[in-house]
C-alpha atoms as a PDB file:
ATOM      1  CA  MET A   1       0.056  -0.067   0.212  1.00  0.00           C
ATOM      2  CA  PHE A   2       3.023   2.486   0.103  1.00  0.00           C
ATOM      3  CA  TRP A   3       2.826   3.113  -3.674  1.00  0.00           C
ATOM      4  CA  ALA A   4      -0.791   3.215  -3.454  1.00  0.00           C
ATOM      5  CA  SER A   5      -1.139   5.868  -0.877  1.00  0.00           C
ATOM      6  CA  TYR A   6       1.299   7.905  -2.967  1.00  0.00           C
ATOM      7  CA  LEU A   7      -0.754   7.219  -6.183  1.00  0.00           C
ATOM      8  CA  LEU A   8      -3.887   8.007  -4.467  1.00  0.00           C
ATOM      9  CA  ALA A   9      -2.300  11.329  -3.127  1.00  0.00           C
ATOM     10  CA  ALA A  10      -1.191  12.378  -6.881  1.00  0.00           C
ATOM     11  CA  LEU A  11      -4.663  11.671  -8.141  1.00  0.00           C
ATOM     12  CA  ALA A  12      -6.254  13.771  -5.434  1.00  0.00           C
ATOM     13  CA  VAL A  13      -4.341  16.916  -6.298  1.00  0.00           C
ATOM     14  CA  ILE A  14      -5.076  16.432 -10.030  1.00  0.00           C
ATOM     15  CA  LEU A  15      -8.433  16.343  -9.533  1.00  0.00           C
ATOM     16  CA  ALA A  16      -8.391  19.033  -7.041  1.00  0.00           C
ATOM     17  CA  TRP A  17      -6.919  21.685  -9.403  1.00  0.00           C
ATOM     18  CA  PRO A  18      -5.944  21.075 -13.070  1.00  0.00           C
ATOM     19  CA  VAL A  19      -8.727  18.720 -14.138  1.00  0.00           C
ATOM     20  CA  PRO A  20     -11.663  21.048 -12.686  1.00  0.00           C
ATOM     21  CA  VAL A  21      -9.824  24.580 -13.855  1.00  0.00           C
ATOM     22  CA  VAL A  22      -9.793  22.741 -17.723  1.00  0.00           C
ATOM     23  CA  LEU A  23     -13.333  21.251 -17.370  1.00  0.00           C
ATOM     24  CA  SER A  24     -14.742  24.849 -15.916  1.00  0.00           C
ATOM     25  CA  LYS A  25     -12.820  26.543 -19.191  1.00  0.00           C
ATOM     26  CA  ALA A  26     -14.120  23.733 -21.587  1.00  0.00           C
ATOM     27  CA  ARG A  27     -16.906  24.484 -24.184  1.00  0.00           C
ATOM     28  CA  TRP A  28     -18.167  21.090 -24.797  1.00  0.00           C
ATOM     29  CA  PRO A  29     -20.363  20.754 -21.403  1.00  0.00           C
ATOM     30  CA  GLY A  30     -22.998  22.976 -22.890  1.00  0.00           C
ATOM     31  CA  ARG A  31     -23.541  20.683 -25.497  1.00  0.00           C
ATOM     32  CA  ALA A  32     -23.948  17.475 -23.603  1.00  0.00           C
ATOM     33  CA  PRO A  33     -24.547  18.674 -20.105  1.00  0.00           C
ATOM     34  CA  VAL A  34     -25.691  14.979 -18.882  1.00  0.00           C
ATOM     35  CA  ALA A  35     -22.580  13.990 -19.578  1.00  0.00           C
ATOM     36  CA  ALA A  36     -20.746  16.807 -17.897  1.00  0.00           C
ATOM     37  CA  LEU A  37     -22.460  16.495 -14.963  1.00  0.00           C
ATOM     38  CA  VAL A  38     -21.950  12.615 -14.600  1.00  0.00           C
ATOM     39  CA  LEU A  39     -18.073  13.871 -15.413  1.00  0.00           C
ATOM     40  CA  TRP A  40     -18.592  16.408 -12.419  1.00  0.00           C
ATOM     41  CA  GLN A  41     -19.640  13.940 -10.015  1.00  0.00           C
ATOM     42  CA  ALA A  42     -16.961  11.307 -10.773  1.00  0.00           C
ATOM     43  CA  ILE A  43     -14.190  14.102 -10.366  1.00  0.00           C
ATOM     44  CA  ALA A  44     -15.899  14.797  -6.758  1.00  0.00           C
ATOM     45  CA  LEU A  45     -16.397  11.580  -5.421  1.00  0.00           C
ATOM     46  CA  ALA A  46     -12.973  10.151  -7.175  1.00  0.00           C
ATOM     47  CA  GLY A  47     -11.230  12.761  -5.516  1.00  0.00           C
ATOM     48  CA  GLY A  48     -12.829  12.635  -2.086  1.00  0.00           C
ATOM     49  CA  LEU A  49     -12.252   9.156  -1.971  1.00  0.00           C
ATOM     50  CA  SER A  50      -8.671   9.475  -3.022  1.00  0.00           C
ATOM     51  CA  MET A  51      -7.923  12.248  -0.322  1.00  0.00           C
ATOM     52  CA  ILE A  52      -9.345   9.665   2.441  1.00  0.00           C
ATOM     53  CA  GLY A  53      -7.857   7.028   0.828  1.00  0.00           C
ATOM     54  CA  ALA A  54      -4.266   8.411   0.325  1.00  0.00           C
ATOM     55  CA  MET A  55      -4.625   8.867   4.269  1.00  0.00           C
ATOM     56  CA  LEU A  56      -6.181   5.734   4.834  1.00  0.00           C
ATOM     57  CA  THR A  57      -3.924   3.485   3.221  1.00  0.00           C
ATOM     58  CA  TRP A  58      -0.306   5.334   4.678  1.00  0.00           C
ATOM     59  CA  GLY A  59      -1.671   5.245   7.806  1.00  0.00           C
ATOM     60  CA  LEU A  60      -2.524   1.341   7.317  1.00  0.00           C
ATOM     61  CA  VAL A  61       1.086   0.707   5.855  1.00  0.00           C
ATOM     62  CA  PRO A  62       2.275  -1.745   8.716  1.00  0.00           C
ATOM     63  CA  LEU A  63      -0.718  -3.283   9.079  1.00  0.00           C
ATOM     64  CA  GLY A  64      -1.197  -5.107   5.764  1.00  0.00           C
ATOM     65  CA  ASP A  65      -0.568  -4.913   1.997  1.00  0.00           C
ATOM     66  CA  ASN A  66      -3.926  -3.664   0.992  1.00  0.00           C
ATOM     67  CA  LEU A  67      -6.882  -2.248   2.365  1.00  0.00           C
ATOM     68  CA  LEU A  68      -8.951  -5.133   3.746  1.00  0.00           C
ATOM     69  CA  ALA A  69      -5.687  -6.896   5.043  1.00  0.00           C
ATOM     70  CA  GLY A  70      -4.998  -3.167   6.957  1.00  0.00           C
ATOM     71  CA  LEU A  71      -8.084  -2.869   8.079  1.00  0.00           C
ATOM     72  CA  ARG A  72      -8.570  -6.531   9.800  1.00  0.00           C
ATOM     73  CA  GLY A  73      -4.573  -5.762  11.257  1.00  0.00           C
ATOM     74  CA  LEU A  74      -6.545  -2.361  12.570  1.00  0.00           C
ATOM     75  CA  ALA A  75      -9.349  -4.443  14.074  1.00  0.00           C
ATOM     76  CA  GLY A  76      -6.634  -6.814  15.635  1.00  0.00           C
ATOM     77  CA  LEU A  77      -5.004  -3.718  17.214  1.00  0.00           C
ATOM     78  CA  VAL A  78      -8.058  -2.060  18.288  1.00  0.00           C
ATOM     79  CA  LEU A  79      -9.846  -5.405  19.936  1.00  0.00           C
ATOM     80  CA  ASP A  80      -6.360  -6.957  21.201  1.00  0.00           C
ATOM     81  CA  SER A  81      -3.991  -4.025  21.986  1.00  0.00           C
ATOM     82  CA  PRO A  82      -0.741  -5.445  21.284  1.00  0.00           C
ATOM     83  CA  ALA A  83       2.640  -3.380  22.745  1.00  0.00           C
ATOM     84  CA  ASP A  84       4.251  -3.674  19.172  1.00  0.00           C
ATOM     85  CA  HIS A  85       1.517  -2.758  17.039  1.00  0.00           C
ATOM     86  CA  GLY A  86       4.171  -1.283  14.360  1.00  0.00           C
ATOM     87  CA  LEU A  87       2.660   2.137  14.108  1.00  0.00           C
ATOM     88  CA  ASP A  88       4.514   5.127  14.843  1.00  0.00           C
ATOM     89  CA  PRO A  89       2.963   8.852  15.416  1.00  0.00           C
ATOM     90  CA  VAL A  90       2.815   9.438  11.617  1.00  0.00           C
ATOM     91  CA  HIS A  91       0.923   6.320  10.770  1.00  0.00           C
ATOM     92  CA  VAL A  92      -1.573   7.435  13.705  1.00  0.00           C
ATOM     93  CA  PHE A  93      -1.966  10.918  12.793  1.00  0.00           C
ATOM     94  CA  ALA A  94      -2.631   9.675   8.817  1.00  0.00           C
ATOM     95  CA  LEU A  95      -5.233   7.375  10.172  1.00  0.00           C
ATOM     96  CA  SER A  96      -6.745  10.019  12.424  1.00  0.00           C
ATOM     97  CA  ALA A  97      -6.943  12.650   9.584  1.00  0.00           C
ATOM     98  CA  ALA A  98      -8.467  10.423   7.412  1.00  0.00           C
ATOM     99  CA  LEU A  99     -11.321   9.600   9.967  1.00  0.00           C
ATOM    100  CA  LEU A 100     -11.685  12.868  10.270  1.00  0.00           C
ATOM    101  CA  LEU A 101     -12.195  13.938   7.319  1.00  0.00           C
ATOM    102  CA  THR A 102     -14.746  11.168   6.534  1.00  0.00           C
ATOM    103  CA  VAL A 103     -16.663  12.306   9.571  1.00  0.00           C
ATOM    104  CA  HIS A 104     -16.350  15.735   8.458  1.00  0.00           C
ATOM    105  CA  LEU A 105     -17.824  15.434   5.075  1.00  0.00           C
ATOM    106  CA  VAL A 106     -20.549  12.960   6.258  1.00  0.00           C
ATOM    107  CA  PHE A 107     -21.431  15.424   9.072  1.00  0.00           C
ATOM    108  CA  THR A 108     -21.304  18.128   6.458  1.00  0.00           C
ATOM    109  CA  LEU A 109     -23.604  16.622   4.223  1.00  0.00           C
ATOM    110  CA  LEU A 110     -26.271  15.894   6.777  1.00  0.00           C
ATOM    111  CA  LEU A 111     -25.964  19.463   7.963  1.00  0.00           C
ATOM    112  CA  THR A 112     -26.389  20.909   4.819  1.00  0.00           C
ATOM    113  CA  TYR A 113     -29.206  18.891   4.044  1.00  0.00           C
ATOM    114  CA  TRP A 114     -30.768  19.723   7.547  1.00  0.00           C
ATOM    115  CA  ARG A 115     -30.014  23.559   6.778  1.00  0.00           C
ATOM    116  CA  ILE A 116     -31.942  23.632   3.364  1.00  0.00           C
ATOM    117  CA  ARG A 117     -34.385  21.723   4.410  1.00  0.00           C
ATOM    118  CA  LYS A 118     -35.516  24.245   7.466  1.00  0.00           C
ATOM    119  CA  GLN A 119     -34.819  27.169   5.085  1.00  0.00           C
ATOM    120  CA  ARG A 120     -37.455  25.620   2.469  1.00  0.00           C
ATOM    121  CA  ASN A 121     -39.789  24.893   5.537  1.00  0.00           C
ATOM    122  CA  ARG A 122     -39.665  28.246   6.227  1.00  0.00           C
ATOM    123  CA  HIS A 123     -39.998  29.796   2.947  1.00  0.00           C
ATOM    124  CA  ARG A 124     -43.410  27.654   2.654  1.00  0.00           C
ATOM    125  CA  ASP A 125     -44.719  28.852   5.746  1.00  0.00           C
ATOM    126  CA  LEU A 126     -44.113  32.339   4.129  1.00  0.00           C
ATOM    127  CA  LEU A 127     -45.583  31.218   0.676  1.00  0.00           C
ATOM    128  CA  ASN A 128     -48.885  29.919   2.718  1.00  0.00           C
ATOM    129  CA  LEU A 129     -49.216  33.393   4.114  1.00  0.00           C
ATOM    130  CA  LEU A 130     -48.396  35.496   1.498  1.00  0.00           C
ATOM    131  CA  SER A 131     -49.474  33.287  -1.917  1.00  0.00           C
ATOM    132  CA  SER A 132     -52.255  31.979  -3.426  1.00  0.00           C
ATOM    133  CA  PRO A 133     -53.074  29.454  -5.813  1.00  0.00           C
ATOM    134  CA  SER A 134     -52.876  29.540  -9.277  1.00  0.00           C
ATOM    135  CA  ALA A 135     -56.076  29.246 -10.959  1.00  0.00           C
ATOM    136  CA  HIS A 136     -54.488  28.125 -14.287  1.00  0.00           C
ATOM    137  CA  SER A 137     -51.848  25.606 -13.235  1.00  0.00           C
ATOM    138  CA  PRO A 138     -51.511  22.876 -10.448  1.00  0.00           C
ATOM    139  CA  ALA A 139     -48.822  23.268  -7.638  1.00  0.00           C
ATOM    140  CA  THR A 140     -48.345  26.482  -8.542  1.00  0.00           C
ATOM    141  CA  LEU A 141     -48.114  29.564  -6.468  1.00  0.00           C
ATOM    142  CA  VAL A 142     -48.681  33.266  -7.140  1.00  0.00           C
ATOM    143  CA  ILE A 143     -47.124  35.818  -4.809  1.00  0.00           C
ATOM    144  CA  ASN A 144     -47.893  39.450  -5.067  1.00  0.00           C
ATOM    145  CA  TYR A 145     -44.649  40.659  -6.208  1.00  0.00           C
ATOM    146  CA  PRO A 146     -44.285  43.459  -8.769  1.00  0.00           C
ATOM    147  CA  ALA A 147     -40.777  41.844 -10.278  1.00  0.00           C
ATOM    148  CA  PRO A 148     -40.233  39.012 -12.397  1.00  0.00           C
ATOM    149  CA  VAL A 149     -39.778  36.043 -10.081  1.00  0.00           C
ATOM    150  CA  ALA A 150     -39.874  32.698 -11.112  1.00  0.00           C
ATOM    151  CA  TYR A 151     -38.351  29.771  -9.085  1.00  0.00           C
ATOM    152  CA  CYS A 152     -39.476  26.302  -7.842  1.00  0.00           C
ATOM    153  CA  LEU A 153     -39.534  24.977  -4.377  1.00  0.00           C
ATOM    154  CA  PRO A 154     -38.998  21.253  -4.071  1.00  0.00           C
ATOM    155  CA  GLY A 155     -40.426  19.104  -1.421  1.00  0.00           C
ATOM    156  CA  GLY A 156     -41.647  15.721  -2.656  1.00  0.00           C
ATOM    157  CA  GLU A 157     -45.475  15.325  -3.505  1.00  0.00           C
ATOM    158  CA  GLY A 158     -45.301  19.001  -1.934  1.00  0.00           C
ATOM    159  CA  SER A 159     -43.472  20.658  -4.509  1.00  0.00           C
ATOM    160  CA  VAL A 160     -44.492  23.589  -5.957  1.00  0.00           C
ATOM    161  CA  THR A 161     -43.490  26.417  -8.698  1.00  0.00           C
ATOM    162  CA  VAL A 162     -43.806  30.120  -7.591  1.00  0.00           C
ATOM    163  CA  LEU A 163     -44.552  32.934  -9.803  1.00  0.00           C
ATOM    164  CA  SER A 164     -44.802  36.724  -9.161  1.00  0.00           C
ATOM    165  CA  GLU A 165     -47.465  38.437 -10.239  1.00  0.00           C
ATOM    166  CA  GLY A 166     -44.774  41.113 -11.880  1.00  0.00           C
ATOM    167  CA  LEU A 167     -44.111  37.908 -13.984  1.00  0.00           C
ATOM    168  CA  LEU A 168     -47.724  37.473 -15.144  1.00  0.00           C
ATOM    169  CA  GLU A 169     -48.139  41.061 -16.222  1.00  0.00           C
ATOM    170  CA  LEU A 170     -44.786  40.789 -18.445  1.00  0.00           C
ATOM    171  CA  LEU A 171     -45.006  37.424 -19.838  1.00  0.00           C
ATOM    172  CA  SER A 172     -47.281  36.047 -22.833  1.00  0.00           C
ATOM    173  CA  PRO A 173     -49.196  32.950 -22.291  1.00  0.00           C
ATOM    174  CA  ALA A 174     -46.602  30.768 -24.748  1.00  0.00           C
ATOM    175  CA  GLU A 175     -43.941  32.448 -22.706  1.00  0.00           C
ATOM    176  CA  LEU A 176     -45.137  31.618 -19.436  1.00  0.00           C
ATOM    177  CA  GLU A 177     -46.029  28.100 -20.606  1.00  0.00           C
ATOM    178  CA  ALA A 178     -41.941  27.818 -21.297  1.00  0.00           C
ATOM    179  CA  VAL A 179     -41.182  29.165 -17.930  1.00  0.00           C
ATOM    180  CA  MET A 180     -43.234  26.926 -16.216  1.00  0.00           C
ATOM    181  CA  ARG A 181     -41.870  23.560 -18.188  1.00  0.00           C
ATOM    182  CA  HIS A 182     -38.337  24.680 -17.187  1.00  0.00           C
ATOM    183  CA  GLU A 183     -38.746  24.888 -13.479  1.00  0.00           C
ATOM    184  CA  ARG A 184     -40.990  22.181 -13.399  1.00  0.00           C
ATOM    185  CA  ALA A 185     -37.971  19.958 -15.265  1.00  0.00           C
ATOM    186  CA  HIS A 186     -35.532  21.171 -12.028  1.00  0.00           C
ATOM    187  CA  LEU A 187     -38.606  19.201 -10.256  1.00  0.00           C
ATOM    188  CA  ALA A 188     -39.134  16.357 -12.099  1.00  0.00           C
ATOM    189  CA  GLN A 189     -35.132  15.825 -13.003  1.00  0.00           C
ATOM    190  CA  ARG A 190     -34.385  16.248  -8.551  1.00  0.00           C
ATOM    191  CA  HIS A 191     -31.504  19.139  -9.617  1.00  0.00           C
ATOM    192  CA  ASP A 192     -32.395  20.215  -6.125  1.00  0.00           C
ATOM    193  CA  LEU A 193     -30.378  16.837  -5.087  1.00  0.00           C
ATOM    194  CA  LEU A 194     -27.402  17.323  -7.067  1.00  0.00           C
ATOM    195  CA  LEU A 195     -27.384  21.112  -6.065  1.00  0.00           C
ATOM    196  CA  LEU A 196     -27.628  19.793  -2.410  1.00  0.00           C
ATOM    197  CA  ALA A 197     -24.467  17.611  -2.688  1.00  0.00           C
ATOM    198  CA  PHE A 198     -22.288  19.776  -4.264  1.00  0.00           C
ATOM    199  CA  ALA A 199     -22.951  22.823  -1.595  1.00  0.00           C
ATOM    200  CA  ALA A 200     -22.021  20.503   0.913  1.00  0.00           C
ATOM    201  CA  TRP A 201     -19.027  19.656  -0.812  1.00  0.00           C
ATOM    202  CA  ARG A 202     -18.455  23.369  -1.217  1.00  0.00           C
ATOM    203  CA  THR A 203     -19.164  23.945   2.412  1.00  0.00           C
ATOM    204  CA  ALA A 204     -17.154  21.204   3.460  1.00  0.00           C
ATOM    205  CA  LEU A 205     -13.835  22.405   1.744  1.00  0.00           C
ATOM    206  CA  PRO A 206     -14.462  25.986   0.810  1.00  0.00           C
ATOM    207  CA  TRP A 207     -10.696  26.375  -0.301  1.00  0.00           C
ATOM    208  CA  LEU A 208     -10.737  23.503  -2.447  1.00  0.00           C
ATOM    209  CA  PRO A 209     -10.813  24.732  -6.144  1.00  0.00           C
ATOM    210  CA  THR A 210     -12.856  21.438  -7.110  1.00  0.00           C
ATOM    211  CA  SER A 211     -15.853  22.568  -4.802  1.00  0.00           C
ATOM    212  CA  GLN A 212     -15.957  26.121  -5.853  1.00  0.00           C
ATOM    213  CA  LEU A 213     -16.126  25.607  -9.823  1.00  0.00           C
ATOM    214  CA  ALA A 214     -18.041  22.157  -9.662  1.00  0.00           C
ATOM    215  CA  GLN A 215     -21.075  24.023  -7.831  1.00  0.00           C
ATOM    216  CA  ARG A 216     -20.820  26.876 -10.210  1.00  0.00           C
ATOM    217  CA  ALA A 217     -20.565  24.646 -13.239  1.00  0.00           C
ATOM    218  CA  VAL A 218     -23.337  22.046 -11.748  1.00  0.00           C
ATOM    219  CA  SER A 219     -25.700  24.642 -11.287  1.00  0.00           C
ATOM    220  CA  GLU A 220     -24.736  26.224 -14.820  1.00  0.00           C
ATOM    221  CA  LEU A 221     -25.759  22.391 -16.515  1.00  0.00           C
ATOM    222  CA  THR A 222     -29.250  21.992 -14.224  1.00  0.00           C
ATOM    223  CA  GLU A 223     -29.973  25.069 -16.087  1.00  0.00           C
ATOM    224  CA  MET A 224     -29.148  24.229 -18.907  1.00  0.00           C
ATOM    225  CA  LEU A 225     -30.845  21.018 -18.853  1.00  0.00           C
ATOM    226  CA  ALA A 226     -34.265  22.850 -18.044  1.00  0.00           C
ATOM    227  CA  ASP A 227     -33.956  24.834 -21.102  1.00  0.00           C
ATOM    228  CA  ASP A 228     -33.715  21.703 -22.812  1.00  0.00           C
ATOM    229  CA  ALA A 229     -36.400  20.477 -21.306  1.00  0.00           C
ATOM    230  CA  ALA A 230     -38.472  23.618 -22.086  1.00  0.00           C
ATOM    231  CA  LEU A 231     -37.713  23.742 -25.744  1.00  0.00           C
ATOM    232  CA  ARG A 232     -38.884  19.950 -26.127  1.00  0.00           C
ATOM    233  CA  GLU A 233     -42.095  22.416 -26.653  1.00  0.00           C
ATOM    234  CA  ALA A 234     -41.573  25.671 -26.640  1.00  0.00           C
ATOM    235  CA  ARG A 235     -39.910  27.909 -29.536  1.00  0.00           C
ATOM    236  CA  ARG A 236     -36.393  28.908 -29.048  1.00  0.00           C
ATOM    237  CA  GLU A 237     -37.569  32.587 -29.290  1.00  0.00           C
ATOM    238  CA  THR A 238     -39.854  32.203 -26.596  1.00  0.00           C
ATOM    239  CA  LEU A 239     -37.803  30.713 -24.400  1.00  0.00           C
ATOM    240  CA  ILE A 240     -34.977  33.599 -24.903  1.00  0.00           C
ATOM    241  CA  ARG A 241     -37.524  36.402 -23.976  1.00  0.00           C
ATOM    242  CA  ALA A 242     -39.065  34.652 -21.059  1.00  0.00           C
ATOM    243  CA  ILE A 243     -35.362  34.033 -19.817  1.00  0.00           C
ATOM    244  CA  ALA A 244     -34.456  37.562 -20.470  1.00  0.00           C
ATOM    245  CA  VAL A 245     -37.656  38.921 -18.288  1.00  0.00           C
ATOM    246  CA  VAL A 246     -37.000  36.324 -15.319  1.00  0.00           C
ATOM    247  CA  ALA A 247     -33.499  37.590 -15.184  1.00  0.00           C
ATOM    248  CA  SER A 248     -34.366  41.106 -14.583  1.00  0.00           C
ATOM    249  CA  GLY A 249     -36.134  40.362 -11.271  1.00  0.00           C
ATOM    250  CA  GLU A 250     -34.666  39.182  -8.146  1.00  0.00           C
ATOM    251  CA  ARG A 251     -34.948  35.379  -6.636  1.00  0.00           C
ATOM    252  CA  PRO A 252     -35.695  35.037  -3.119  1.00  0.00           C
ATOM    253  CA  ALA A 253     -33.423  32.608  -0.521  1.00  0.00           C
ATOM    254  CA  GLY A 254     -34.513  29.122  -0.712  1.00  0.00           C
ATOM    255  CA  ALA A 255     -34.937  28.971  -4.575  1.00  0.00           C
ATOM    256  CA  ALA A 256     -33.947  25.697  -6.423  1.00  0.00           C
ATOM    257  CA  ASP A 257     -32.734  27.812  -9.011  1.00  0.00           C
ATOM    258  CA  GLN A 258     -29.916  29.742  -6.882  1.00  0.00           C
ATOM    259  CA  PRO A 259     -27.196  28.545  -4.966  1.00  0.00           C
ATOM    260  CA  PRO A 260     -27.651  28.670  -0.966  1.00  0.00           C
ATOM    261  CA  ALA A 261     -27.506  31.573   0.693  1.00  0.00           C
ATOM    262  CA  GLY A 262     -24.096  32.843   2.304  1.00  0.00           C
ATOM    263  CA  LEU A 263     -22.363  31.860  -0.387  1.00  0.00           C
ATOM    264  CA  PRO A 264     -19.930  34.387  -2.042  1.00  0.00           C
ATOM    265  CA  GLY A 265     -20.658  35.845  -5.601  1.00  0.00           C
ATOM    266  CA  SER A 266     -23.830  33.823  -5.901  1.00  0.00           C
ATOM    267  CA  ALA A 267     -25.810  37.115  -7.510  1.00  0.00           C
ATOM    268  CA  GLU A 268     -22.511  37.419  -9.641  1.00  0.00           C
ATOM    269  CA  ASN A 269     -22.703  33.685 -10.442  1.00  0.00           C
ATOM    270  CA  ASP A 270     -26.300  34.081 -11.279  1.00  0.00           C
ATOM    271  CA  ALA A 271     -26.272  36.562 -13.774  1.00  0.00           C
ATOM    272  CA  LEU A 272     -22.789  34.951 -15.266  1.00  0.00           C
ATOM    273  CA  SER A 273     -24.955  31.821 -15.598  1.00  0.00           C
ATOM    274  CA  THR A 274     -27.878  33.425 -17.616  1.00  0.00           C
ATOM    275  CA  ALA A 275     -25.754  35.081 -20.050  1.00  0.00           C
ATOM    276  CA  HIS A 276     -23.688  31.890 -20.490  1.00  0.00           C
ATOM    277  CA  ARG A 277     -27.935  30.608 -21.353  1.00  0.00           C
ATOM    278  CA  LEU A 278     -28.572  33.012 -23.435  1.00  0.00           C
ATOM    279  CA  SER A 279     -25.566  32.605 -25.228  1.00  0.00           C
ATOM    280  CA  ARG A 280     -26.189  28.715 -26.055  1.00  0.00           C
ATOM    281  CA  LEU A 281     -29.478  29.351 -26.621  1.00  0.00           C
ATOM    282  CA  LEU A 282     -28.773  32.283 -29.187  1.00  0.00           C
ATOM    283  CA  THR A 283     -25.954  30.586 -31.217  1.00  0.00           C
ATOM    284  CA  PRO A 284     -27.106  26.800 -30.876  1.00  0.00           C
ATOM    285  CA  GLN A 285     -24.341  24.324 -31.272  1.00  0.00           C
ATOM    286  CA  PRO A 286     -25.225  20.724 -32.189  1.00  0.00           C
ATOM    287  CA  ALA A 287     -25.265  18.497 -29.454  1.00  0.00           C
ATOM    288  CA  LEU A 288     -21.928  15.932 -28.500  1.00  0.00           C
ATOM    289  CA  SER A 289     -21.567  13.105 -30.775  1.00  0.00           C
ATOM    290  CA  ALA A 290     -22.877  10.053 -29.339  1.00  0.00           C
ATOM    291  CA  ALA A 291     -19.255   8.580 -29.716  1.00  0.00           C
ATOM    292  CA  ALA A 292     -17.887  11.344 -27.909  1.00  0.00           C
ATOM    293  CA  GLN A 293     -20.314  11.085 -25.029  1.00  0.00           C
ATOM    294  CA  TYR A 294     -19.638   7.434 -24.462  1.00  0.00           C
ATOM    295  CA  LEU A 295     -15.795   8.308 -24.295  1.00  0.00           C
ATOM    296  CA  VAL A 296     -16.989  11.323 -21.514  1.00  0.00           C
ATOM    297  CA  ALA A 297     -18.951   8.242 -19.609  1.00  0.00           C
ATOM    298  CA  LEU A 298     -16.060   6.096 -20.019  1.00  0.00           C
ATOM    299  CA  GLY A 299     -13.730   8.761 -18.476  1.00  0.00           C
ATOM    300  CA  ALA A 300     -16.007   9.114 -15.658  1.00  0.00           C
ATOM    301  CA  ALA A 301     -16.007   5.403 -15.012  1.00  0.00           C
ATOM    302  CA  LEU A 302     -12.293   5.220 -15.191  1.00  0.00           C
ATOM    303  CA  LEU A 303     -11.924   8.169 -12.408  1.00  0.00           C
ATOM    304  CA  LEU A 304     -14.529   5.954 -10.221  1.00  0.00           C
ATOM    305  CA  SER A 305     -12.505   2.953 -10.734  1.00  0.00           C
ATOM    306  CA  VAL A 306      -8.784   3.759 -10.259  1.00  0.00           C
ATOM    307  CA  PRO A 307      -8.501   4.934  -6.543  1.00  0.00           C
ATOM    308  CA  THR A 308     -11.207   2.121  -6.214  1.00  0.00           C
ATOM    309  CA  VAL A 309      -8.520  -0.343  -7.389  1.00  0.00           C
ATOM    310  CA  LEU A 310      -5.621   1.275  -5.831  1.00  0.00           C
ATOM    311  CA  LEU A 311      -7.277   0.859  -2.294  1.00  0.00           C
ATOM    312  CA  ILE A 312      -8.440  -2.741  -2.797  1.00  0.00           C
ATOM    313  CA  ALA A 313      -6.122  -4.344  -4.962  1.00  0.00           C
ATOM    314  CA  PRO A 314      -3.138  -6.123  -3.463  1.00  0.00           C
ATOM    315  CA  GLY A 315       0.049  -6.716  -4.703  1.00  0.00           C
ATOM    316  CA  LEU A 316       0.661  -2.442  -4.485  1.00  0.00           C
ATOM    317  CA  ALA A 317       2.442  -2.469  -1.139  1.00  0.00           C
ATOM    318  CA  GLY A 318       6.100  -0.986  -1.163  1.00  0.00           C
END
């Protein structure tokens, strides 16, 4: 496991800096949003696995030649407490760091879920007081607000789409239908779960380029997917006008279309995302070829398999 720990550390560094930077500047994700989302998830998962795995395998080097053998040795050490266990302070520190990072990531995910759920429940309570059901669309609430606003509030069977009276006054029926299809796509494709996971990753490791760039990219890609869903029924020109109108309004905290409150630069990122979406719609590019998308999916699978093999494969001990 000696060499495995070094290889995992190298992979963690690569996935923490050069890979997300290059991918964030690439132009092809707008031509294949689903494939790009899969790749971003693979980068985040493989990066986290490599970070934890590098420390874990280094710490277990004296106890076995692979992860399973090392864990068995660690279990025996904990249960039997032998006087000569072969672990020096460096290995103990590595094991402790791996455990602390794992607990930190899991705890942050649960805490982020609790905070967002609490925020949404509070938002829903306000909507119950300040909104009225739409007379024309099910699971749609209308708020008395002059600015053009449209967003969705996930909640399982209680999910709703929220529109402002200002938006209803500005949009034509066709434009309003395009907006509704966009918001319903967010709910149907459960984009809130993706955004929650990457928000937790950003909160847990705010200094990590992967977490910052990934959250921004994933948020933008989910908007593109919702646009694509709307385009199946709406005309491109209609959707462009609707996006431009909605972009001129303000999005309240808790909406699924924006990053969680408290993240720096969220308003700027939201405006940049809208600009990218409009550019993508105004100058449409052909979808990425099926072969290229398969290659992206294969690359994502390889990213996940490499740290897994390094962790469990025997014969990698130094």
